[in-house]
Amino acid sequence: MTKASIVQRLLDKKKITAEEAVILLQTDTYIPPSYPMYTPNPYYDTPNTTPPPVWYSTDTLNTPPVGNSWEYKDTKFTPPTEN
């Protein structure tokens, strides 16, 4: 059973007019659903991808010998004196 056969049967029984039959047999235009436009998240902030600074020393002249103090000599740490 097609749309045309149903319309023809209605026309034969004089339930619809020829003008109505033409309207029924016209191809329907497809209107796609409308979706809302994308709106970015207002609370999202681009992450900072800059690496943090790395502090290191290239001073090899003032490094303590193995087994000595853990500090470099240029840190100027003086242990407390006992009186």
N, C-alpha and C. Protein backbone atom coordinates (compact mmCIF):
# COMPACT_ATOMS: atom_id res chain seq x y z
N MET A 1 0.86 -1.17 0.00
CA MET A 1 0.00 0.00 0.00
C MET A 1 0.91 1.23 0.00
N THR A 2 0.67 2.10 -0.98
CA THR A 2 1.47 3.31 -1.10
C THR A 2 0.61 4.52 -0.81
N LYS A 3 1.27 5.63 -0.70
CA LYS A 3 0.56 6.89 -0.48
C LYS A 3 -0.37 7.19 -1.66
N ALA A 4 0.10 6.91 -2.87
CA ALA A 4 -0.71 7.18 -4.06
C ALA A 4 -1.98 6.32 -4.10
N SER A 5 -1.87 5.05 -3.67
CA SER A 5 -3.06 4.18 -3.70
C SER A 5 -4.08 4.63 -2.66
N ILE A 6 -3.61 5.12 -1.52
CA ILE A 6 -4.53 5.62 -0.49
C ILE A 6 -5.24 6.88 -0.98
N VAL A 7 -4.50 7.77 -1.60
CA VAL A 7 -5.10 9.01 -2.12
C VAL A 7 -6.10 8.68 -3.22
N GLN A 8 -5.76 7.72 -4.10
CA GLN A 8 -6.69 7.32 -5.17
C GLN A 8 -7.98 6.76 -4.60
N ARG A 9 -7.89 5.95 -3.57
CA ARG A 9 -9.09 5.38 -2.94
C ARG A 9 -9.96 6.48 -2.34
N LEU A 10 -9.32 7.48 -1.69
CA LEU A 10 -10.07 8.60 -1.12
C LEU A 10 -10.73 9.44 -2.21
N LEU A 11 -10.02 9.59 -3.35
CA LEU A 11 -10.61 10.33 -4.47
C LEU A 11 -11.82 9.58 -5.04
N ASP A 12 -11.69 8.26 -5.17
CA ASP A 12 -12.79 7.46 -5.72
C ASP A 12 -14.03 7.54 -4.85
N LYS A 13 -13.85 7.59 -3.54
CA LYS A 13 -14.98 7.67 -2.62
C LYS A 13 -15.43 9.10 -2.40
N LYS A 14 -14.80 10.04 -3.10
CA LYS A 14 -15.13 11.46 -3.01
C LYS A 14 -14.96 12.01 -1.58
N LYS A 15 -13.96 11.49 -0.88
CA LYS A 15 -13.66 11.96 0.47
C LYS A 15 -12.73 13.18 0.44
N ILE A 16 -11.95 13.31 -0.65
CA ILE A 16 -11.06 14.47 -0.80
C ILE A 16 -11.21 15.01 -2.21
N THR A 17 -10.79 16.25 -2.40
CA THR A 17 -10.84 16.87 -3.73
C THR A 17 -9.51 16.62 -4.44
N ALA A 18 -9.49 16.95 -5.73
CA ALA A 18 -8.27 16.76 -6.52
C ALA A 18 -7.16 17.68 -5.99
N GLU A 19 -7.55 18.87 -5.57
CA GLU A 19 -6.55 19.81 -5.03
C GLU A 19 -5.91 19.24 -3.77
N GLU A 20 -6.72 18.64 -2.91
CA GLU A 20 -6.18 18.02 -1.70
C GLU A 20 -5.30 16.83 -2.03
N ALA A 21 -5.66 16.09 -3.07
CA ALA A 21 -4.87 14.94 -3.50
C ALA A 21 -3.49 15.39 -3.98
N VAL A 22 -3.44 16.50 -4.72
CA VAL A 22 -2.17 17.02 -5.20
C VAL A 22 -1.29 17.40 -4.02
N ILE A 23 -1.90 18.06 -3.03
CA ILE A 23 -1.12 18.48 -1.86
C ILE A 23 -0.59 17.25 -1.11
N LEU A 24 -1.40 16.21 -0.98
CA LEU A 24 -0.96 15.01 -0.28
C LEU A 24 0.14 14.26 -1.03
N LEU A 25 0.12 14.32 -2.35
CA LEU A 25 1.10 13.58 -3.12
C LEU A 25 2.40 14.36 -3.36
N GLN A 26 2.43 15.62 -3.02
CA GLN A 26 3.67 16.38 -3.16
C GLN A 26 4.71 15.82 -2.21
N THR A 27 5.97 15.90 -2.65
CA THR A 27 7.04 15.40 -1.78
C THR A 27 7.24 16.39 -0.63
N ASP A 28 7.31 15.85 0.53
CA ASP A 28 7.53 16.69 1.70
C ASP A 28 8.98 17.15 1.72
N THR A 29 9.15 18.41 2.04
CA THR A 29 10.52 18.92 2.20
C THR A 29 10.98 18.61 3.61
N TYR A 30 12.17 18.05 3.68
CA TYR A 30 12.73 17.66 4.96
C TYR A 30 13.39 18.86 5.61
N ILE A 31 12.95 19.18 6.81
CA ILE A 31 13.56 20.26 7.59
C ILE A 31 14.31 19.59 8.74
N PRO A 32 15.63 19.62 8.66
CA PRO A 32 16.38 18.96 9.73
C PRO A 32 16.19 19.67 11.06
N PRO A 33 16.32 18.95 12.15
CA PRO A 33 16.16 19.60 13.46
C PRO A 33 17.27 20.62 13.67
N SER A 34 16.91 21.69 14.30
CA SER A 34 17.93 22.71 14.56
C SER A 34 18.50 22.48 15.96
N TYR A 35 19.80 22.48 16.01
CA TYR A 35 20.49 22.28 17.27
C TYR A 35 21.01 23.63 17.75
N PRO A 36 21.08 23.83 19.04
CA PRO A 36 21.62 25.11 19.52
C PRO A 36 23.09 25.24 19.15
N MET A 37 23.50 26.44 18.92
CA MET A 37 24.90 26.69 18.57
C MET A 37 25.79 26.34 19.75
N TYR A 38 27.00 25.90 19.44
CA TYR A 38 27.96 25.55 20.48
C TYR A 38 28.44 26.81 21.18
N THR A 39 28.35 26.81 22.48
CA THR A 39 28.90 27.92 23.26
C THR A 39 29.96 27.35 24.18
N PRO A 40 31.16 27.88 24.11
CA PRO A 40 32.23 27.33 24.96
C PRO A 40 31.95 27.58 26.44
N ASN A 41 32.56 26.77 27.26
CA ASN A 41 32.41 26.89 28.70
C ASN A 41 33.06 28.19 29.16
N PRO A 42 32.30 29.11 29.75
CA PRO A 42 32.90 30.40 30.15
C PRO A 42 33.86 30.26 31.33
N TYR A 43 33.81 29.14 32.05
CA TYR A 43 34.65 28.96 33.22
C TYR A 43 35.95 28.23 32.89
N TYR A 44 36.09 27.75 31.66
CA TYR A 44 37.30 27.03 31.28
C TYR A 44 38.39 28.02 30.91
N ASP A 45 39.55 27.82 31.47
CA ASP A 45 40.69 28.67 31.14
C ASP A 45 41.76 27.78 30.54
N THR A 46 42.41 28.28 29.52
CA THR A 46 43.46 27.51 28.88
C THR A 46 44.57 27.23 29.89
N PRO A 47 44.95 25.98 30.05
CA PRO A 47 45.96 25.67 31.06
C PRO A 47 47.32 26.27 30.69
N ASN A 48 48.05 26.62 31.72
CA ASN A 48 49.39 27.16 31.53
C ASN A 48 50.33 25.98 31.33
N THR A 49 50.89 25.87 30.13
CA THR A 49 51.76 24.74 29.82
C THR A 49 53.24 25.12 29.93
N THR A 50 53.52 26.31 30.45
CA THR A 50 54.91 26.72 30.63
C THR A 50 55.50 25.94 31.80
N PRO A 51 56.62 25.26 31.58
CA PRO A 51 57.18 24.50 32.70
C PRO A 51 57.73 25.44 33.77
N PRO A 52 57.71 25.04 35.00
CA PRO A 52 58.23 25.89 36.07
C PRO A 52 59.75 26.04 35.94
N PRO A 53 60.30 27.11 36.46
CA PRO A 53 61.75 27.27 36.36
C PRO A 53 62.48 26.22 37.21
N VAL A 54 63.57 25.77 36.70
CA VAL A 54 64.38 24.79 37.41
C VAL A 54 65.65 25.48 37.85
N TRP A 55 65.90 25.46 39.15
CA TRP A 55 67.09 26.11 39.68
C TRP A 55 68.16 25.06 39.91
N TYR A 56 69.27 25.29 39.32
CA TYR A 56 70.38 24.38 39.50
C TYR A 56 71.67 25.18 39.41
N SER A 57 72.74 24.56 39.79
CA SER A 57 74.05 25.22 39.78
C SER A 57 74.97 24.47 38.84
N THR A 58 75.72 25.24 38.09
CA THR A 58 76.74 24.63 37.23
C THR A 58 78.13 24.85 37.83
N ASP A 59 78.14 25.32 39.08
CA ASP A 59 79.40 25.60 39.75
C ASP A 59 80.03 24.29 40.20
N THR A 60 81.11 23.91 39.54
CA THR A 60 81.79 22.67 39.91
C THR A 60 83.02 22.93 40.76
N LEU A 61 83.37 24.21 40.92
CA LEU A 61 84.56 24.52 41.71
C LEU A 61 84.27 24.51 43.20
N ASN A 62 83.06 24.84 43.60
CA ASN A 62 82.73 24.95 45.01
C ASN A 62 81.96 23.75 45.54
N THR A 63 81.87 22.69 44.76
CA THR A 63 81.13 21.53 45.25
C THR A 63 81.95 20.81 46.31
N PRO A 64 81.29 20.33 47.34
CA PRO A 64 82.03 19.65 48.40
C PRO A 64 82.54 18.30 47.92
N PRO A 65 83.63 17.85 48.46
CA PRO A 65 84.10 16.51 48.09
C PRO A 65 83.13 15.45 48.62
N VAL A 66 83.23 14.28 48.11
CA VAL A 66 82.34 13.18 48.50
C VAL A 66 82.52 12.91 49.99
N GLY A 67 81.41 12.79 50.69
CA GLY A 67 81.45 12.49 52.11
C GLY A 67 81.53 13.73 52.97
N ASN A 68 81.70 14.89 52.38
CA ASN A 68 81.77 16.13 53.15
C ASN A 68 80.35 16.69 53.29
N SER A 69 80.28 17.92 53.67
CA SER A 69 78.99 18.58 53.89
C SER A 69 78.09 18.46 52.65
N TRP A 70 76.81 18.41 52.89
CA TRP A 70 75.84 18.28 51.80
C TRP A 70 75.61 19.61 51.10
N GLU A 71 76.09 20.72 51.68
CA GLU A 71 75.82 22.03 51.09
C GLU A 71 76.99 22.49 50.23
N TYR A 72 76.67 23.38 49.32
CA TYR A 72 77.73 24.05 48.57
C TYR A 72 78.39 25.07 49.46
N LYS A 73 79.61 25.39 49.17
CA LYS A 73 80.34 26.34 50.01
C LYS A 73 79.80 27.75 49.87
N ASP A 74 79.13 28.03 48.77
CA ASP A 74 78.63 29.39 48.57
C ASP A 74 77.28 29.64 49.24
N THR A 75 76.76 28.68 50.02
CA THR A 75 75.50 28.92 50.72
C THR A 75 75.70 29.68 52.01
N LYS A 76 76.92 29.78 52.45
CA LYS A 76 77.29 30.58 53.62
C LYS A 76 76.54 30.14 54.88
N PHE A 77 76.37 28.85 55.07
CA PHE A 77 75.75 28.34 56.28
C PHE A 77 76.81 28.26 57.36
N THR A 78 76.48 28.83 58.48
CA THR A 78 77.40 28.73 59.62
C THR A 78 76.69 28.04 60.75
N PRO A 79 77.25 26.98 61.26
CA PRO A 79 76.59 26.27 62.35
C PRO A 79 76.56 27.15 63.62
N PRO A 80 75.56 26.98 64.44
CA PRO A 80 75.50 27.79 65.66
C PRO A 80 76.67 27.45 66.59
N THR A 81 77.13 28.46 67.26
CA THR A 81 78.23 28.26 68.22
C THR A 81 77.65 27.96 69.59
N GLU A 82 78.31 27.09 70.31
CA GLU A 82 77.84 26.76 71.64
C GLU A 82 78.69 27.52 72.64
N ASN A 83 78.09 28.33 73.51
CA ASN A 83 78.81 29.11 74.51
C ASN A 83 78.61 28.54 75.87
